[in-house]
């Protein structure tokens, strides 16, 4: 998903537009996670970017998407760019000698 979300509409309040953006993002991530995994892949990971425009977009974590949408609402932005791309993820395996030590 590479999309510029508009937060200004003549008939729809910005709060409802924000809710729609959150719903679209959640629906997209859920749909991507449901896709079957290729051979040798453990899970779906996501590359995300956020910014006021596509040119100014910066890399963010998937867990920061909601915070960024809230910031856009607080700053009264007219629009913002959000990019979420699915990629294969691999769990890290540790050898017994490299396992993290719990204190």
PDB file of N, CA and C in Angstrom:
ATOM      1  N   UNK A   1       0.843  -1.162   0.000  1.00  0.00           N
ATOM      2  CA  UNK A   1       0.000   0.000   0.000  1.00  0.00           C
ATOM      3  C   UNK A   1       0.895   1.234   0.000  1.00  0.00           C
ATOM      4  N   UNK A   2       0.760   2.024  -1.012  1.00  0.00           N
ATOM      5  CA  UNK A   2       1.433   3.313  -1.095  1.00  0.00           C
ATOM      6  C   UNK A   2       0.328   4.313  -1.361  1.00  0.00           C
ATOM      7  N   UNK A   3       0.032   5.142  -0.354  1.00  0.00           N
ATOM      8  CA  UNK A   3      -1.141   5.988  -0.494  1.00  0.00           C
ATOM      9  C   UNK A   3      -0.974   7.302   0.244  1.00  0.00           C
ATOM     10  N   UNK A   4      -1.509   8.364  -0.363  1.00  0.00           N
ATOM     11  CA  UNK A   4      -1.608   9.652   0.291  1.00  0.00           C
ATOM     12  C   UNK A   4      -3.046   9.793   0.772  1.00  0.00           C
ATOM     13  N   UNK A   5      -3.219   9.912   2.071  1.00  0.00           N
ATOM     14  CA  UNK A   5      -4.544  10.014   2.668  1.00  0.00           C
ATOM     15  C   UNK A   5      -4.921  11.485   2.834  1.00  0.00           C
ATOM     16  N   UNK A   6      -6.092  11.853   2.353  1.00  0.00           N
ATOM     17  CA  UNK A   6      -6.614  13.209   2.494  1.00  0.00           C
ATOM     18  C   UNK A   6      -7.397  13.304   3.800  1.00  0.00           C
ATOM     19  N   UNK A   7      -7.147  14.352   4.578  1.00  0.00           N
ATOM     20  CA  UNK A   7      -7.841  14.540   5.844  1.00  0.00           C
ATOM     21  C   UNK A   7      -8.778  15.744   5.810  1.00  0.00           C
ATOM     22  N   UNK A   8      -9.049  16.249   4.606  1.00  0.00           N
ATOM     23  CA  UNK A   8      -9.958  17.373   4.436  1.00  0.00           C
ATOM     24  C   UNK A   8     -11.029  16.957   3.445  1.00  0.00           C
ATOM     25  N   UNK A   9     -12.287  17.117   3.866  1.00  0.00           N
ATOM     26  CA  UNK A   9     -13.414  16.787   3.001  1.00  0.00           C
ATOM     27  C   UNK A   9     -14.541  17.758   3.330  1.00  0.00           C
ATOM     28  N   UNK A  10     -15.285  18.234   2.323  1.00  0.00           N
ATOM     29  CA  UNK A  10     -16.329  19.232   2.600  1.00  0.00           C
ATOM     30  C   UNK A  10     -17.468  18.716   3.487  1.00  0.00           C
ATOM     31  N   UNK A  11     -17.758  17.425   3.461  1.00  0.00           N
ATOM     32  CA  UNK A  11     -18.896  16.911   4.222  1.00  0.00           C
ATOM     33  C   UNK A  11     -18.515  15.994   5.378  1.00  0.00           C
ATOM     34  N   UNK A  12     -17.302  15.440   5.371  1.00  0.00           N
ATOM     35  CA  UNK A  12     -16.891  14.472   6.384  1.00  0.00           C
ATOM     36  C   UNK A  12     -15.923  15.135   7.358  1.00  0.00           C
ATOM     37  N   UNK A  13     -16.189  14.939   8.656  1.00  0.00           N
ATOM     38  CA  UNK A  13     -15.333  15.526   9.683  1.00  0.00           C
ATOM     39  C   UNK A  13     -13.978  14.810   9.715  1.00  0.00           C
ATOM     40  N   UNK A  14     -12.907  15.536  10.062  1.00  0.00           N
ATOM     41  CA  UNK A  14     -11.563  14.931  10.104  1.00  0.00           C
ATOM     42  C   UNK A  14     -11.470  13.710  11.016  1.00  0.00           C
ATOM     43  N   UNK A  15     -12.184  13.701  12.126  1.00  0.00           N
ATOM     44  CA  UNK A  15     -12.129  12.558  13.044  1.00  0.00           C
ATOM     45  C   UNK A  15     -12.625  11.291  12.360  1.00  0.00           C
ATOM     46  N   UNK A  16     -13.657  11.410  11.533  1.00  0.00           N
ATOM     47  CA  UNK A  16     -14.185  10.245  10.799  1.00  0.00           C
ATOM     48  C   UNK A  16     -13.195   9.806   9.721  1.00  0.00           C
ATOM     49  N   UNK A  17     -12.496  10.752   9.112  1.00  0.00           N
ATOM     50  CA  UNK A  17     -11.490  10.401   8.108  1.00  0.00           C
ATOM     51  C   UNK A  17     -10.326   9.651   8.752  1.00  0.00           C
ATOM     52  N   UNK A  18      -9.939  10.080   9.950  1.00  0.00           N
ATOM     53  CA  UNK A  18      -8.864   9.406  10.684  1.00  0.00           C
ATOM     54  C   UNK A  18      -9.275   7.970  10.998  1.00  0.00           C
ATOM     55  N   UNK A  19     -10.519   7.787  11.438  1.00  0.00           N
ATOM     56  CA  UNK A  19     -11.015   6.434  11.713  1.00  0.00           C
ATOM     57  C   UNK A  19     -10.976   5.573  10.457  1.00  0.00           C
ATOM     58  N   UNK A  20     -11.327   6.152   9.322  1.00  0.00           N
ATOM     59  CA  UNK A  20     -11.312   5.414   8.061  1.00  0.00           C
ATOM     60  C   UNK A  20      -9.886   5.017   7.677  1.00  0.00           C
ATOM     61  N   UNK A  21      -8.926   5.897   7.920  1.00  0.00           N
ATOM     62  CA  UNK A  21      -7.520   5.593   7.623  1.00  0.00           C
ATOM     63  C   UNK A  21      -7.053   4.433   8.489  1.00  0.00           C
ATOM     64  N   UNK A  22      -7.348   4.494   9.783  1.00  0.00           N
ATOM     65  CA  UNK A  22      -6.953   3.418  10.697  1.00  0.00           C
ATOM     66  C   UNK A  22      -7.571   2.084  10.263  1.00  0.00           C
ATOM     67  N   UNK A  23      -8.839   2.119   9.865  1.00  0.00           N
ATOM     68  CA  UNK A  23      -9.526   0.905   9.424  1.00  0.00           C
ATOM     69  C   UNK A  23      -8.880   0.351   8.155  1.00  0.00           C
ATOM     70  N   UNK A  24      -8.540   1.233   7.200  1.00  0.00           N
ATOM     71  CA  UNK A  24      -7.899   0.789   5.960  1.00  0.00           C
ATOM     72  C   UNK A  24      -6.542   0.141   6.226  1.00  0.00           C
ATOM     73  N   UNK A  25      -5.761   0.749   7.114  1.00  0.00           N
ATOM     74  CA  UNK A  25      -4.431   0.226   7.442  1.00  0.00           C
ATOM     75  C   UNK A  25      -4.562  -1.142   8.111  1.00  0.00           C
ATOM     76  N   UNK A  26      -5.468  -1.228   9.071  1.00  0.00           N
ATOM     77  CA  UNK A  26      -5.671  -2.492   9.791  1.00  0.00           C
ATOM     78  C   UNK A  26      -6.135  -3.586   8.836  1.00  0.00           C
ATOM     79  N   UNK A  27      -7.050  -3.241   7.935  1.00  0.00           N
ATOM     80  CA  UNK A  27      -7.582  -4.203   6.976  1.00  0.00           C
ATOM     81  C   UNK A  27      -6.474  -4.670   6.016  1.00  0.00           C
ATOM     82  N   UNK A  28      -5.616  -3.744   5.565  1.00  0.00           N
ATOM     83  CA  UNK A  28      -4.530  -4.098   4.651  1.00  0.00           C
ATOM     84  C   UNK A  28      -3.538  -5.050   5.315  1.00  0.00           C
ATOM     85  N   UNK A  29      -3.133  -4.735   6.543  1.00  0.00           N
ATOM     86  CA  UNK A  29      -2.159  -5.577   7.248  1.00  0.00           C
ATOM     87  C   UNK A  29      -2.745  -6.963   7.498  1.00  0.00           C
ATOM     88  N   UNK A  30      -4.003  -7.013   7.899  1.00  0.00           N
ATOM     89  CA  UNK A  30      -4.663  -8.288   8.147  1.00  0.00           C
ATOM     90  C   UNK A  30      -4.728  -9.121   6.868  1.00  0.00           C
ATOM     91  N   UNK A  31      -5.060  -8.485   5.744  1.00  0.00           N
ATOM     92  CA  UNK A  31      -5.150  -9.179   4.457  1.00  0.00           C
ATOM     93  C   UNK A  31      -3.786  -9.723   4.028  1.00  0.00           C
ATOM     94  N   UNK A  32      -2.733  -8.945   4.214  1.00  0.00           N
ATOM     95  CA  UNK A  32      -1.393  -9.391   3.835  1.00  0.00           C
ATOM     96  C   UNK A  32      -0.933 -10.563   4.701  1.00  0.00           C
ATOM     97  N   UNK A  33      -1.263 -10.539   5.981  1.00  0.00           N
ATOM     98  CA  UNK A  33      -0.859 -11.624   6.878  1.00  0.00           C
ATOM     99  C   UNK A  33      -1.572 -12.934   6.563  1.00  0.00           C
ATOM    100  N   UNK A  34      -2.768 -12.845   5.953  1.00  0.00           N
ATOM    101  CA  UNK A  34      -3.526 -14.049   5.602  1.00  0.00           C
ATOM    102  C   UNK A  34      -2.956 -14.764   4.383  1.00  0.00           C
ATOM    103  N   UNK A  35      -2.163 -14.084   3.574  1.00  0.00           N
ATOM    104  CA  UNK A  35      -1.599 -14.709   2.378  1.00  0.00           C
ATOM    105  C   UNK A  35      -0.690 -15.867   2.782  1.00  0.00           C
ATOM    106  N   UNK A  36      -0.642 -16.884   1.935  1.00  0.00           N
ATOM    107  CA  UNK A  36       0.191 -18.044   2.252  1.00  0.00           C
ATOM    108  C   UNK A  36       1.672 -17.666   2.180  1.00  0.00           C
ATOM    109  N   UNK A  37       2.427 -18.265   3.082  1.00  0.00           N
ATOM    110  CA  UNK A  37       3.859 -17.964   3.168  1.00  0.00           C
ATOM    111  C   UNK A  37       4.642 -18.769   2.142  1.00  0.00           C
ATOM    112  N   UNK A  38       5.634 -18.164   1.498  1.00  0.00           N
ATOM    113  CA  UNK A  38       6.505 -18.919   0.603  1.00  0.00           C
ATOM    114  C   UNK A  38       7.344 -19.918   1.405  1.00  0.00           C
ATOM    115  N   UNK A  39       7.916 -20.868   0.720  1.00  0.00           N
ATOM    116  CA  UNK A  39       8.758 -21.886   1.359  1.00  0.00           C
ATOM    117  C   UNK A  39       9.943 -21.223   2.052  1.00  0.00           C
ATOM    118  N   UNK A  40      10.201 -21.620   3.291  1.00  0.00           N
ATOM    119  CA  UNK A  40      11.351 -21.121   4.037  1.00  0.00           C
ATOM    120  C   UNK A  40      11.115 -19.798   4.742  1.00  0.00           C
ATOM    121  N   UNK A  41       9.899 -19.287   4.716  1.00  0.00           N
ATOM    122  CA  UNK A  41       9.579 -18.013   5.359  1.00  0.00           C
ATOM    123  C   UNK A  41       8.775 -18.301   6.620  1.00  0.00           C
ATOM    124  N   UNK A  42       9.102 -17.596   7.725  1.00  0.00           N
ATOM    125  CA  UNK A  42       8.447 -17.838   9.006  1.00  0.00           C
ATOM    126  C   UNK A  42       7.200 -16.970   9.222  1.00  0.00           C
ATOM    127  N   UNK A  43       7.226 -15.720   8.723  1.00  0.00           N
ATOM    128  CA  UNK A  43       6.104 -14.805   8.933  1.00  0.00           C
ATOM    129  C   UNK A  43       6.203 -13.650   7.940  1.00  0.00           C
ATOM    130  N   UNK A  44       5.136 -12.854   7.868  1.00  0.00           N
ATOM    131  CA  UNK A  44       5.168 -11.653   7.034  1.00  0.00           C
ATOM    132  C   UNK A  44       5.644 -10.479   7.884  1.00  0.00           C
ATOM    133  N   UNK A  45       6.613  -9.749   7.382  1.00  0.00           N
ATOM    134  CA  UNK A  45       7.125  -8.544   8.012  1.00  0.00           C
ATOM    135  C   UNK A  45       6.712  -7.372   7.125  1.00  0.00           C
ATOM    136  N   UNK A  46       6.822  -6.143   7.624  1.00  0.00           N
ATOM    137  CA  UNK A  46       6.391  -4.990   6.848  1.00  0.00           C
ATOM    138  C   UNK A  46       7.436  -3.882   6.882  1.00  0.00           C
ATOM    139  N   UNK A  47       7.677  -3.285   5.717  1.00  0.00           N
ATOM    140  CA  UNK A  47       8.486  -2.075   5.598  1.00  0.00           C
ATOM    141  C   UNK A  47       7.509  -0.916   5.546  1.00  0.00           C
ATOM    142  N   UNK A  48       7.690   0.074   6.415  1.00  0.00           N
ATOM    143  CA  UNK A  48       6.734   1.180   6.501  1.00  0.00           C
ATOM    144  C   UNK A  48       7.452   2.523   6.382  1.00  0.00           C
ATOM    145  N   UNK A  49       6.767   3.472   5.753  1.00  0.00           N
ATOM    146  CA  UNK A  49       7.246   4.850   5.653  1.00  0.00           C
ATOM    147  C   UNK A  49       6.073   5.768   5.921  1.00  0.00           C
ATOM    148  N   UNK A  50       6.370   6.907   6.554  1.00  0.00           N
ATOM    149  CA  UNK A  50       5.346   7.902   6.854  1.00  0.00           C
ATOM    150  C   UNK A  50       5.936   9.286   6.668  1.00  0.00           C
ATOM    151  N   UNK A  51       5.108  10.215   6.172  1.00  0.00           N
ATOM    152  CA  UNK A  51       5.534  11.600   6.049  1.00  0.00           C
ATOM    153  C   UNK A  51       4.419  12.468   5.521  1.00  0.00           C
ATOM    154  N   UNK A  52       4.601  13.777   5.590  1.00  0.00           N
ATOM    155  CA  UNK A  52       3.578  14.686   5.075  1.00  0.00           C
ATOM    156  C   UNK A  52       3.423  14.565   3.554  1.00  0.00           C
ATOM    157  N   UNK A  53       4.522  14.206   2.886  1.00  0.00           N
ATOM    158  CA  UNK A  53       4.492  13.951   1.443  1.00  0.00           C
ATOM    159  C   UNK A  53       5.344  12.713   1.168  1.00  0.00           C
ATOM    160  N   UNK A  54       5.229  12.176  -0.037  1.00  0.00           N
ATOM    161  CA  UNK A  54       6.009  10.993  -0.401  1.00  0.00           C
ATOM    162  C   UNK A  54       7.503  11.292  -0.379  1.00  0.00           C
ATOM    163  N   UNK A  55       7.885  12.479  -0.810  1.00  0.00           N
ATOM    164  CA  UNK A  55       9.294  12.852  -0.855  1.00  0.00           C
ATOM    165  C   UNK A  55       9.902  12.991   0.549  1.00  0.00           C
ATOM    166  N   UNK A  56       9.101  13.375   1.526  1.00  0.00           N
ATOM    167  CA  UNK A  56       9.595  13.585   2.889  1.00  0.00           C
ATOM    168  C   UNK A  56       9.336  12.391   3.805  1.00  0.00           C
ATOM    169  N   UNK A  57       8.867  11.285   3.257  1.00  0.00           N
ATOM    170  CA  UNK A  57       8.538  10.109   4.071  1.00  0.00           C
ATOM    171  C   UNK A  57       9.791   9.484   4.668  1.00  0.00           C
ATOM    172  N   UNK A  58       9.672   9.082   5.937  1.00  0.00           N
ATOM    173  CA  UNK A  58      10.779   8.453   6.655  1.00  0.00           C
ATOM    174  C   UNK A  58      10.358   7.053   7.085  1.00  0.00           C
ATOM    175  N   UNK A  59      11.333   6.186   7.251  1.00  0.00           N
ATOM    176  CA  UNK A  59      11.076   4.804   7.662  1.00  0.00           C
ATOM    177  C   UNK A  59      10.600   4.777   9.106  1.00  0.00           C
ATOM    178  N   UNK A  60       9.539   4.005   9.350  1.00  0.00           N
ATOM    179  CA  UNK A  60       9.004   3.828  10.699  1.00  0.00           C
ATOM    180  C   UNK A  60       8.776   2.345  10.944  1.00  0.00           C
ATOM    181  N   UNK A  61       8.536   1.981  12.199  1.00  0.00           N
ATOM    182  CA  UNK A  61       8.185   0.614  12.552  1.00  0.00           C
ATOM    183  C   UNK A  61       6.679   0.428  12.378  1.00  0.00           C
ATOM    184  N   UNK A  62       6.253  -0.802  12.197  1.00  0.00           N
ATOM    185  CA  UNK A  62       4.836  -1.099  12.061  1.00  0.00           C
ATOM    186  C   UNK A  62       4.078  -0.652  13.310  1.00  0.00           C
ATOM    187  N   UNK A  63       4.687  -0.798  14.457  1.00  0.00           N
ATOM    188  CA  UNK A  63       4.039  -0.422  15.716  1.00  0.00           C
ATOM    189  C   UNK A  63       3.860   1.089  15.869  1.00  0.00           C
ATOM    190  N   UNK A  64       4.523   1.889  15.048  1.00  0.00           N
ATOM    191  CA  UNK A  64       4.446   3.348  15.141  1.00  0.00           C
ATOM    192  C   UNK A  64       3.401   3.953  14.201  1.00  0.00           C
ATOM    193  N   UNK A  65       2.734   3.137  13.396  1.00  0.00           N
ATOM    194  CA  UNK A  65       1.779   3.654  12.420  1.00  0.00           C
ATOM    195  C   UNK A  65       0.664   4.432  13.112  1.00  0.00           C
ATOM    196  N   UNK A  66       0.092   3.858  14.148  1.00  0.00           N
ATOM    197  CA  UNK A  66      -1.013   4.514  14.857  1.00  0.00           C
ATOM    198  C   UNK A  66      -0.574   5.850  15.449  1.00  0.00           C
ATOM    199  N   UNK A  67       0.618   5.887  16.030  1.00  0.00           N
ATOM    200  CA  UNK A  67       1.147   7.122  16.610  1.00  0.00           C
ATOM    201  C   UNK A  67       1.310   8.197  15.530  1.00  0.00           C
ATOM    202  N   UNK A  68       1.771   7.810  14.355  1.00  0.00           N
ATOM    203  CA  UNK A  68       1.968   8.760  13.259  1.00  0.00           C
ATOM    204  C   UNK A  68       0.637   9.312  12.751  1.00  0.00           C
ATOM    205  N   UNK A  69      -0.378   8.458  12.691  1.00  0.00           N
ATOM    206  CA  UNK A  69      -1.707   8.912  12.270  1.00  0.00           C
ATOM    207  C   UNK A  69      -2.254   9.905  13.294  1.00  0.00           C
ATOM    208  N   UNK A  70      -2.040   9.631  14.574  1.00  0.00           N
ATOM    209  CA  UNK A  70      -2.476  10.542  15.633  1.00  0.00           C
ATOM    210  C   UNK A  70      -1.749  11.874  15.520  1.00  0.00           C
ATOM    211  N   UNK A  71      -0.453  11.848  15.210  1.00  0.00           N
ATOM    212  CA  UNK A  71       0.316  13.078  15.028  1.00  0.00           C
ATOM    213  C   UNK A  71      -0.230  13.898  13.862  1.00  0.00           C
ATOM    214  N   UNK A  72      -0.580  13.237  12.780  1.00  0.00           N
ATOM    215  CA  UNK A  72      -1.139  13.934  11.615  1.00  0.00           C
ATOM    216  C   UNK A  72      -2.434  14.636  11.996  1.00  0.00           C
ATOM    217  N   UNK A  73      -3.240  13.985  12.808  1.00  0.00           N
ATOM    218  CA  UNK A  73      -4.498  14.587  13.263  1.00  0.00           C
ATOM    219  C   UNK A  73      -4.215  15.773  14.187  1.00  0.00           C
ATOM    220  N   UNK A  74      -3.267  15.633  15.100  1.00  0.00           N
ATOM    221  CA  UNK A  74      -2.934  16.697  16.050  1.00  0.00           C
ATOM    222  C   UNK A  74      -2.353  17.918  15.345  1.00  0.00           C
ATOM    223  N   UNK A  75      -1.583  17.685  14.293  1.00  0.00           N
ATOM    224  CA  UNK A  75      -0.965  18.778  13.548  1.00  0.00           C
ATOM    225  C   UNK A  75      -1.908  19.386  12.511  1.00  0.00           C
ATOM    226  N   UNK A  76      -3.125  18.843  12.411  1.00  0.00           N
ATOM    227  CA  UNK A  76      -4.128  19.312  11.449  1.00  0.00           C
ATOM    228  C   UNK A  76      -3.605  19.310  10.016  1.00  0.00           C
ATOM    229  N   UNK A  77      -2.895  18.249   9.651  1.00  0.00           N
ATOM    230  CA  UNK A  77      -2.402  18.118   8.286  1.00  0.00           C
ATOM    231  C   UNK A  77      -3.577  17.913   7.332  1.00  0.00           C
ATOM    232  N   UNK A  78      -3.457  18.438   6.129  1.00  0.00           N
ATOM    233  CA  UNK A  78      -4.497  18.232   5.123  1.00  0.00           C
ATOM    234  C   UNK A  78      -4.380  16.854   4.501  1.00  0.00           C
ATOM    235  N   UNK A  79      -3.158  16.317   4.472  1.00  0.00           N
ATOM    236  CA  UNK A  79      -2.931  14.971   3.943  1.00  0.00           C
ATOM    237  C   UNK A  79      -1.603  14.453   4.472  1.00  0.00           C
ATOM    238  N   UNK A  80      -1.415  13.135   4.360  1.00  0.00           N
ATOM    239  CA  UNK A  80      -0.134  12.534   4.705  1.00  0.00           C
ATOM    240  C   UNK A  80       0.058  11.285   3.863  1.00  0.00           C
ATOM    241  N   UNK A  81       1.322  10.880   3.719  1.00  0.00           N
ATOM    242  CA  UNK A  81       1.691   9.724   2.905  1.00  0.00           C
ATOM    243  C   UNK A  81       2.031   8.567   3.834  1.00  0.00           C
ATOM    244  N   UNK A  82       1.508   7.382   3.490  1.00  0.00           N
ATOM    245  CA  UNK A  82       1.800   6.174   4.257  1.00  0.00           C
ATOM    246  C   UNK A  82       2.089   5.045   3.289  1.00  0.00           C
ATOM    247  N   UNK A  83       3.199   4.361   3.518  1.00  0.00           N
ATOM    248  CA  UNK A  83       3.594   3.233   2.680  1.00  0.00           C
ATOM    249  C   UNK A  83       3.797   2.017   3.569  1.00  0.00           C
ATOM    250  N   UNK A  84       3.134   0.919   3.218  1.00  0.00           N
ATOM    251  CA  UNK A  84       3.284  -0.334   3.952  1.00  0.00           C
ATOM    252  C   UNK A  84       3.491  -1.432   2.918  1.00  0.00           C
ATOM    253  N   UNK A  85       4.653  -2.063   2.941  1.00  0.00           N
ATOM    254  CA  UNK A  85       4.970  -3.115   1.986  1.00  0.00           C
ATOM    255  C   UNK A  85       5.315  -4.399   2.734  1.00  0.00           C
ATOM    256  N   UNK A  86       4.658  -5.491   2.366  1.00  0.00           N
ATOM    257  CA  UNK A  86       4.915  -6.787   3.000  1.00  0.00           C
ATOM    258  C   UNK A  86       6.200  -7.392   2.461  1.00  0.00           C
ATOM    259  N   UNK A  87       6.944  -8.052   3.346  1.00  0.00           N
ATOM    260  CA  UNK A  87       8.164  -8.758   2.945  1.00  0.00           C
ATOM    261  C   UNK A  87       8.276 -10.016   3.787  1.00  0.00           C
ATOM    262  N   UNK A  88       8.981 -11.029   3.300  1.00  0.00           N
ATOM    263  CA  UNK A  88       9.139 -12.255   4.079  1.00  0.00           C
ATOM    264  C   UNK A  88      10.015 -12.014   5.312  1.00  0.00           C
ATOM    265  N   UNK A  89       9.631 -12.637   6.413  1.00  0.00           N
ATOM    266  CA  UNK A  89      10.389 -12.501   7.650  1.00  0.00           C
ATOM    267  C   UNK A  89      10.929 -13.844   8.102  1.00  0.00           C
ATOM    268  N   UNK A  90      12.098 -13.812   8.707  1.00  0.00           N
ATOM    269  CA  UNK A  90      12.741 -15.037   9.190  1.00  0.00           C
ATOM    270  C   UNK A  90      13.063 -14.868  10.669  1.00  0.00           C
ATOM    271  N   UNK A  91      12.681 -15.859  11.470  1.00  0.00           N
ATOM    272  CA  UNK A  91      12.996 -15.835  12.894  1.00  0.00           C
ATOM    273  C   UNK A  91      14.482 -16.076  13.070  1.00  0.00           C
ATOM    274  N   UNK A  92      15.072 -15.369  14.007  1.00  0.00           N
ATOM    275  CA  UNK A  92      16.489 -15.561  14.292  1.00  0.00           C
ATOM    276  C   UNK A  92      16.637 -16.797  15.171  1.00  0.00           C
ATOM    277  N   UNK A  93      17.605 -17.612  14.840  1.00  0.00           N
ATOM    278  CA  UNK A  93      17.881 -18.787  15.657  1.00  0.00           C
ATOM    279  C   UNK A  93      19.217 -18.583  16.360  1.00  0.00           C
ATOM    280  N   UNK A  94      19.263 -19.035  17.582  1.00  0.00           N
ATOM    281  CA  UNK A  94      20.478 -18.912  18.368  1.00  0.00           C
ATOM    282  C   UNK A  94      21.069 -20.291  18.597  1.00  0.00           C
ATOM    283  N   UNK A  95      22.382 -20.344  18.559  1.00  0.00           N
ATOM    284  CA  UNK A  95      23.051 -21.560  18.991  1.00  0.00           C
ATOM    285  C   UNK A  95      23.021 -21.563  20.518  1.00  0.00           C
ATOM    286  N   UNK A  96      23.182 -22.715  21.103  1.00  0.00           N
ATOM    287  CA  UNK A  96      23.097 -22.783  22.567  1.00  0.00           C
ATOM    288  C   UNK A  96      24.122 -21.889  23.251  1.00  0.00           C
ATOM    289  N   UNK A  97      25.278 -21.696  22.641  1.00  0.00           N
ATOM    290  CA  UNK A  97      26.287 -20.836  23.258  1.00  0.00           C
ATOM    291  C   UNK A  97      25.987 -19.357  23.039  1.00  0.00           C
ATOM    292  N   UNK A  98      25.116 -19.024  22.058  1.00  0.00           N
ATOM    293  CA  UNK A  98      24.806 -17.617  21.768  1.00  0.00           C
ATOM    294  C   UNK A  98      23.498 -17.164  22.380  1.00  0.00           C
ATOM    295  N   UNK A  99      22.807 -18.038  23.058  1.00  0.00           N
ATOM    296  CA  UNK A  99      21.496 -17.692  23.612  1.00  0.00           C
ATOM    297  C   UNK A  99      21.651 -16.565  24.640  1.00  0.00           C
ATOM    298  N   UNK A 100      20.702 -15.635  24.636  1.00  0.00           N
ATOM    299  CA  UNK A 100      20.778 -14.549  25.619  1.00  0.00           C
ATOM    300  C   UNK A 100      20.635 -15.095  27.029  1.00  0.00           C
ATOM    301  N   UNK A 101      21.367 -14.521  27.958  1.00  0.00           N
ATOM    302  CA  UNK A 101      21.378 -14.970  29.333  1.00  0.00           C
ATOM    303  C   UNK A 101      20.371 -14.145  30.121  1.00  0.00           C
ATOM    304  N   UNK A 102      19.500 -14.829  30.880  1.00  0.00           N
ATOM    305  CA  UNK A 102      18.533 -14.147  31.728  1.00  0.00           C
ATOM    306  C   UNK A 102      19.135 -13.971  33.116  1.00  0.00           C
ATOM    307  N   UNK A 103      18.981 -12.776  33.647  1.00  0.00           N
ATOM    308  CA  UNK A 103      19.480 -12.500  35.013  1.00  0.00           C
ATOM    309  C   UNK A 103      18.360 -12.500  35.997  1.00  0.00           C
TER     310      UNK A 103
END
